[in-house]
């Protein structure tokens, strides 16, 4: 995964260097992985989908709850980072989150 740009309580959020549409991130917690897809309409996020990754174990329910809070708080930053990285070819900075509530 490159780059990993958001970290919180062992959860890492990032892109693969050769990713594709829809706008999405890969989220890891140890050996667990889930993909989070963002669907936009008129520059607004209208849907966020949590998708199981093939050949990966189910994300633990307690960490999935935490991940959903993290995604909700940073959703527009995540989308902007995706656009900056894939569309504009810019480097993005890592964010280490200490609190999400």
N, C-alpha and C. Protein backbone atom coordinates (compact mmCIF):
# COMPACT_ATOMS: atom_id res chain seq x y z
N UNK A 1 0.86 -1.18 0.00
CA UNK A 1 0.00 0.00 0.00
C UNK A 1 0.89 1.23 0.00
N UNK A 2 0.55 2.15 -0.86
CA UNK A 2 1.35 3.38 -0.92
C UNK A 2 0.49 4.50 -1.45
N UNK A 3 0.36 5.57 -0.80
CA UNK A 3 0.83 5.82 0.56
C UNK A 3 -0.24 5.51 1.61
N UNK A 4 0.23 5.28 2.83
CA UNK A 4 -0.65 5.20 4.00
C UNK A 4 -0.68 6.62 4.55
N UNK A 5 -1.85 7.19 4.72
CA UNK A 5 -1.87 8.59 5.10
C UNK A 5 -2.71 8.90 6.33
N UNK A 6 -3.41 7.92 6.87
CA UNK A 6 -4.24 8.16 8.03
C UNK A 6 -4.08 6.97 8.97
N UNK A 7 -3.72 7.25 10.22
CA UNK A 7 -3.51 6.18 11.20
C UNK A 7 -4.22 6.53 12.51
N UNK A 8 -4.88 5.49 13.06
CA UNK A 8 -5.56 5.68 14.34
C UNK A 8 -5.76 4.32 15.01
N UNK A 9 -5.26 4.19 16.22
CA UNK A 9 -5.43 2.99 17.05
C UNK A 9 -5.17 1.69 16.28
N UNK A 10 -4.08 1.67 15.51
CA UNK A 10 -3.71 0.47 14.78
C UNK A 10 -4.37 0.33 13.42
N UNK A 11 -5.33 1.19 13.11
CA UNK A 11 -5.98 1.18 11.80
C UNK A 11 -5.18 2.07 10.87
N UNK A 12 -4.86 1.55 9.68
CA UNK A 12 -4.13 2.32 8.68
C UNK A 12 -4.99 2.45 7.43
N UNK A 13 -5.06 3.67 6.91
CA UNK A 13 -5.87 3.97 5.73
C UNK A 13 -4.93 4.47 4.64
N UNK A 14 -5.07 3.92 3.44
CA UNK A 14 -4.20 4.37 2.36
C UNK A 14 -4.67 3.89 1.01
N UNK A 15 -3.83 4.16 0.00
CA UNK A 15 -4.10 3.79 -1.38
C UNK A 15 -3.08 2.76 -1.83
N UNK A 16 -3.43 2.02 -2.86
CA UNK A 16 -2.43 1.25 -3.60
C UNK A 16 -1.95 2.15 -4.73
N UNK A 17 -0.72 2.02 -5.11
CA UNK A 17 -0.14 2.94 -6.09
C UNK A 17 -0.78 2.82 -7.47
N UNK A 18 -1.44 1.72 -7.77
CA UNK A 18 -2.05 1.54 -9.09
C UNK A 18 -3.57 1.44 -9.01
N UNK A 19 -4.17 2.17 -8.08
CA UNK A 19 -5.61 2.05 -7.86
C UNK A 19 -6.43 2.69 -8.97
N UNK A 20 -7.74 2.59 -8.86
CA UNK A 20 -8.68 2.92 -9.92
C UNK A 20 -9.96 3.49 -9.30
N UNK A 21 -10.85 3.94 -10.16
CA UNK A 21 -12.17 4.39 -9.70
C UNK A 21 -13.00 3.19 -9.31
N UNK A 22 -13.99 3.31 -8.44
CA UNK A 22 -14.40 4.54 -7.77
C UNK A 22 -13.35 4.99 -6.75
N UNK A 23 -13.48 6.23 -6.33
CA UNK A 23 -12.59 6.73 -5.27
C UNK A 23 -12.75 5.80 -4.08
N UNK A 24 -11.62 5.29 -3.59
CA UNK A 24 -11.69 4.38 -2.45
C UNK A 24 -10.34 4.33 -1.73
N UNK A 25 -10.39 3.80 -0.52
CA UNK A 25 -9.19 3.56 0.27
C UNK A 25 -9.20 2.13 0.76
N UNK A 26 -8.02 1.64 1.08
CA UNK A 26 -7.87 0.32 1.70
C UNK A 26 -7.53 0.57 3.15
N UNK A 27 -8.23 -0.13 4.03
CA UNK A 27 -8.03 0.05 5.46
C UNK A 27 -7.57 -1.26 6.05
N UNK A 28 -6.47 -1.20 6.80
CA UNK A 28 -5.89 -2.39 7.41
C UNK A 28 -5.86 -2.25 8.92
N UNK A 29 -6.06 -3.38 9.56
CA UNK A 29 -5.84 -3.51 11.00
C UNK A 29 -5.21 -4.88 11.17
N UNK A 30 -3.89 -4.90 11.31
CA UNK A 30 -3.18 -6.19 11.34
C UNK A 30 -3.40 -6.93 10.04
N UNK A 31 -3.86 -8.18 10.11
CA UNK A 31 -4.08 -8.97 8.90
C UNK A 31 -5.45 -8.73 8.26
N UNK A 32 -6.26 -7.88 8.87
CA UNK A 32 -7.59 -7.59 8.37
C UNK A 32 -7.56 -6.43 7.39
N UNK A 33 -8.41 -6.52 6.37
CA UNK A 33 -8.47 -5.43 5.39
C UNK A 33 -9.91 -5.25 4.92
N UNK A 34 -10.28 -4.01 4.68
CA UNK A 34 -11.58 -3.68 4.10
C UNK A 34 -11.37 -2.50 3.17
N UNK A 35 -12.19 -2.42 2.14
CA UNK A 35 -12.11 -1.32 1.19
C UNK A 35 -13.29 -0.40 1.45
N UNK A 36 -13.04 0.91 1.43
CA UNK A 36 -14.10 1.89 1.64
C UNK A 36 -14.21 2.72 0.37
N UNK A 37 -15.40 2.67 -0.26
CA UNK A 37 -15.63 3.36 -1.51
C UNK A 37 -16.49 4.60 -1.28
N UNK A 38 -16.16 5.66 -2.00
CA UNK A 38 -16.86 6.94 -1.88
C UNK A 38 -17.53 7.26 -3.20
N UNK A 39 -18.82 7.56 -3.15
CA UNK A 39 -19.59 7.92 -4.35
C UNK A 39 -20.04 9.37 -4.21
N UNK A 40 -19.73 10.16 -5.23
CA UNK A 40 -20.02 11.59 -5.20
C UNK A 40 -21.03 11.99 -6.26
N UNK A 41 -21.78 13.04 -5.93
CA UNK A 41 -22.68 13.68 -6.88
C UNK A 41 -22.62 15.17 -6.60
N UNK A 42 -22.28 15.95 -7.61
CA UNK A 42 -22.15 17.40 -7.46
C UNK A 42 -21.22 17.77 -6.31
N UNK A 43 -20.08 17.09 -6.24
CA UNK A 43 -19.02 17.33 -5.26
C UNK A 43 -19.41 16.98 -3.82
N UNK A 44 -20.52 16.31 -3.64
CA UNK A 44 -20.96 15.87 -2.32
C UNK A 44 -20.89 14.34 -2.25
N UNK A 45 -20.46 13.84 -1.11
CA UNK A 45 -20.44 12.39 -0.91
C UNK A 45 -21.86 11.94 -0.62
N UNK A 46 -22.39 11.09 -1.49
CA UNK A 46 -23.77 10.64 -1.34
C UNK A 46 -23.85 9.21 -0.80
N UNK A 47 -22.73 8.49 -0.86
CA UNK A 47 -22.73 7.11 -0.37
C UNK A 47 -21.31 6.71 -0.01
N UNK A 48 -21.19 5.97 1.08
CA UNK A 48 -19.93 5.35 1.48
C UNK A 48 -20.21 3.86 1.64
N UNK A 49 -19.46 3.03 0.91
CA UNK A 49 -19.67 1.59 0.96
C UNK A 49 -18.44 0.91 1.58
N UNK A 50 -18.69 -0.02 2.48
CA UNK A 50 -17.63 -0.82 3.11
C UNK A 50 -17.66 -2.19 2.45
N UNK A 51 -16.58 -2.53 1.74
CA UNK A 51 -16.56 -3.71 0.89
C UNK A 51 -15.49 -4.69 1.37
N UNK A 52 -15.91 -5.95 1.55
CA UNK A 52 -14.96 -6.99 1.95
C UNK A 52 -13.93 -7.20 0.84
N UNK A 53 -12.69 -7.38 1.22
CA UNK A 53 -11.61 -7.62 0.27
C UNK A 53 -11.42 -9.13 0.14
N UNK A 54 -11.37 -9.62 -1.09
CA UNK A 54 -11.18 -11.05 -1.34
C UNK A 54 -9.90 -11.54 -0.67
N UNK A 55 -9.95 -12.73 -0.15
CA UNK A 55 -8.81 -13.38 0.51
C UNK A 55 -8.32 -12.63 1.74
N UNK A 56 -9.20 -11.87 2.36
CA UNK A 56 -8.87 -11.16 3.59
C UNK A 56 -9.89 -11.53 4.66
N UNK A 57 -9.45 -11.53 5.90
CA UNK A 57 -10.37 -11.84 7.00
C UNK A 57 -11.31 -10.66 7.24
N UNK A 58 -12.52 -10.96 7.75
CA UNK A 58 -13.50 -9.93 8.10
C UNK A 58 -12.89 -8.95 9.08
N UNK A 59 -13.10 -7.69 8.86
CA UNK A 59 -12.64 -6.65 9.78
C UNK A 59 -13.36 -6.85 11.10
N UNK A 60 -12.66 -6.84 12.24
CA UNK A 60 -13.32 -7.04 13.54
C UNK A 60 -14.40 -5.98 13.78
N UNK A 61 -15.55 -6.39 14.29
CA UNK A 61 -16.68 -5.47 14.44
C UNK A 61 -16.36 -4.26 15.32
N UNK A 62 -15.57 -4.44 16.37
CA UNK A 62 -15.23 -3.31 17.23
C UNK A 62 -14.36 -2.31 16.49
N UNK A 63 -13.45 -2.79 15.65
CA UNK A 63 -12.58 -1.90 14.87
C UNK A 63 -13.34 -1.30 13.69
N UNK A 64 -14.33 -2.04 13.15
CA UNK A 64 -15.14 -1.49 12.07
C UNK A 64 -15.94 -0.29 12.57
N UNK A 65 -16.44 -0.38 13.77
CA UNK A 65 -17.17 0.76 14.36
C UNK A 65 -16.24 1.97 14.47
N UNK A 66 -15.03 1.75 14.94
CA UNK A 66 -14.04 2.83 15.05
C UNK A 66 -13.68 3.37 13.67
N UNK A 67 -13.49 2.47 12.70
CA UNK A 67 -13.17 2.88 11.34
C UNK A 67 -14.27 3.76 10.77
N UNK A 68 -15.53 3.40 10.98
CA UNK A 68 -16.64 4.19 10.45
C UNK A 68 -16.65 5.60 11.03
N UNK A 69 -16.33 5.74 12.31
CA UNK A 69 -16.22 7.07 12.91
C UNK A 69 -15.08 7.86 12.28
N UNK A 70 -13.96 7.18 12.07
CA UNK A 70 -12.79 7.82 11.45
C UNK A 70 -13.10 8.27 10.03
N UNK A 71 -13.73 7.40 9.25
CA UNK A 71 -14.09 7.73 7.87
C UNK A 71 -15.06 8.90 7.84
N UNK A 72 -16.04 8.88 8.70
CA UNK A 72 -17.03 9.96 8.73
C UNK A 72 -16.36 11.31 9.01
N UNK A 73 -15.44 11.33 9.94
CA UNK A 73 -14.77 12.58 10.29
C UNK A 73 -13.84 13.09 9.19
N UNK A 74 -13.18 12.17 8.48
CA UNK A 74 -12.15 12.55 7.51
C UNK A 74 -12.56 12.30 6.05
N UNK A 75 -13.83 12.04 5.79
CA UNK A 75 -14.25 11.63 4.45
C UNK A 75 -13.87 12.63 3.35
N UNK A 76 -14.02 13.91 3.59
CA UNK A 76 -13.69 14.88 2.54
C UNK A 76 -12.18 15.05 2.38
N UNK A 77 -11.44 14.88 3.45
CA UNK A 77 -9.98 14.90 3.36
C UNK A 77 -9.50 13.68 2.57
N UNK A 78 -10.11 12.53 2.81
CA UNK A 78 -9.75 11.31 2.09
C UNK A 78 -9.99 11.49 0.60
N UNK A 79 -11.16 11.99 0.24
CA UNK A 79 -11.49 12.21 -1.18
C UNK A 79 -10.52 13.21 -1.80
N UNK A 80 -10.23 14.29 -1.09
CA UNK A 80 -9.29 15.28 -1.62
C UNK A 80 -7.89 14.68 -1.80
N UNK A 81 -7.46 13.86 -0.85
CA UNK A 81 -6.16 13.19 -0.98
C UNK A 81 -6.13 12.27 -2.20
N UNK A 82 -7.23 11.55 -2.45
CA UNK A 82 -7.30 10.66 -3.61
C UNK A 82 -7.15 11.47 -4.89
N UNK A 83 -7.88 12.58 -4.98
CA UNK A 83 -7.80 13.45 -6.16
C UNK A 83 -6.40 14.04 -6.29
N UNK A 84 -5.85 14.51 -5.19
CA UNK A 84 -4.50 15.09 -5.22
C UNK A 84 -3.48 14.07 -5.71
N UNK A 85 -3.56 12.84 -5.22
CA UNK A 85 -2.59 11.81 -5.55
C UNK A 85 -2.77 11.28 -6.98
N UNK A 86 -3.99 10.88 -7.34
CA UNK A 86 -4.21 10.22 -8.62
C UNK A 86 -4.45 11.17 -9.78
N UNK A 87 -5.16 12.27 -9.54
CA UNK A 87 -5.50 13.18 -10.63
C UNK A 87 -4.42 14.24 -10.82
N UNK A 88 -3.96 14.83 -9.72
CA UNK A 88 -3.01 15.93 -9.80
C UNK A 88 -1.55 15.48 -9.67
N UNK A 89 -1.33 14.23 -9.26
CA UNK A 89 0.03 13.72 -9.13
C UNK A 89 0.82 14.34 -8.00
N UNK A 90 0.12 14.82 -6.98
CA UNK A 90 0.79 15.49 -5.87
C UNK A 90 1.09 14.49 -4.75
N UNK A 91 2.07 14.85 -3.93
CA UNK A 91 2.35 14.09 -2.73
C UNK A 91 1.32 14.49 -1.67
N UNK A 92 1.01 13.54 -0.81
CA UNK A 92 0.08 13.84 0.27
C UNK A 92 0.76 13.58 1.61
N UNK A 93 0.31 14.26 2.62
CA UNK A 93 0.92 14.15 3.95
C UNK A 93 0.14 13.17 4.81
N UNK A 94 0.86 12.47 5.66
CA UNK A 94 0.26 11.53 6.61
C UNK A 94 -0.37 12.30 7.76
N UNK A 95 -1.48 11.75 8.26
CA UNK A 95 -2.18 12.32 9.41
C UNK A 95 -2.21 11.25 10.49
N UNK A 96 -1.68 11.55 11.66
CA UNK A 96 -1.79 10.64 12.78
C UNK A 96 -2.87 11.20 13.69
N UNK A 97 -3.95 10.48 13.80
CA UNK A 97 -5.11 10.93 14.56
C UNK A 97 -4.97 10.48 16.01
N UNK A 98 -5.18 11.40 16.93
CA UNK A 98 -5.10 11.03 18.34
C UNK A 98 -6.48 10.87 18.98
N UNK A 99 -7.49 11.49 18.37
CA UNK A 99 -8.84 11.42 18.93
C UNK A 99 -9.84 11.68 17.80
N UNK A 100 -10.95 10.91 17.77
CA UNK A 100 -11.93 11.12 16.71
C UNK A 100 -13.29 11.59 17.22
N UNK A 101 -13.50 11.62 18.49
CA UNK A 101 -14.82 12.02 19.00
C UNK A 101 -14.87 13.48 19.34
